[in-house]
């Protein structure tokens, strides 16, 4: 039996997509689970067609928005 190329690491109601053919993703998985006694992987079931399409036709299955700020600059403004 062989693992699929894409799996999800399940932790409560959170799912982290892992591309097992990407060494960075595998390193992230190993770092995440190294101090755990158990973990759960599930097969990622979305196909290449994707569920959501942007205006250019690119497909996306999940999106994360991260906000960065410079604390020193904010302190200067206040």
Foldseek 3Di string as FASTA:
>chain_A
DDADQWKWKDDPPDTDIARNVDPVSVVVVCVVCVPPPDTDIGHDPDDCCADDADPVGHHDNDDDDDDDDDVVVVVVVD
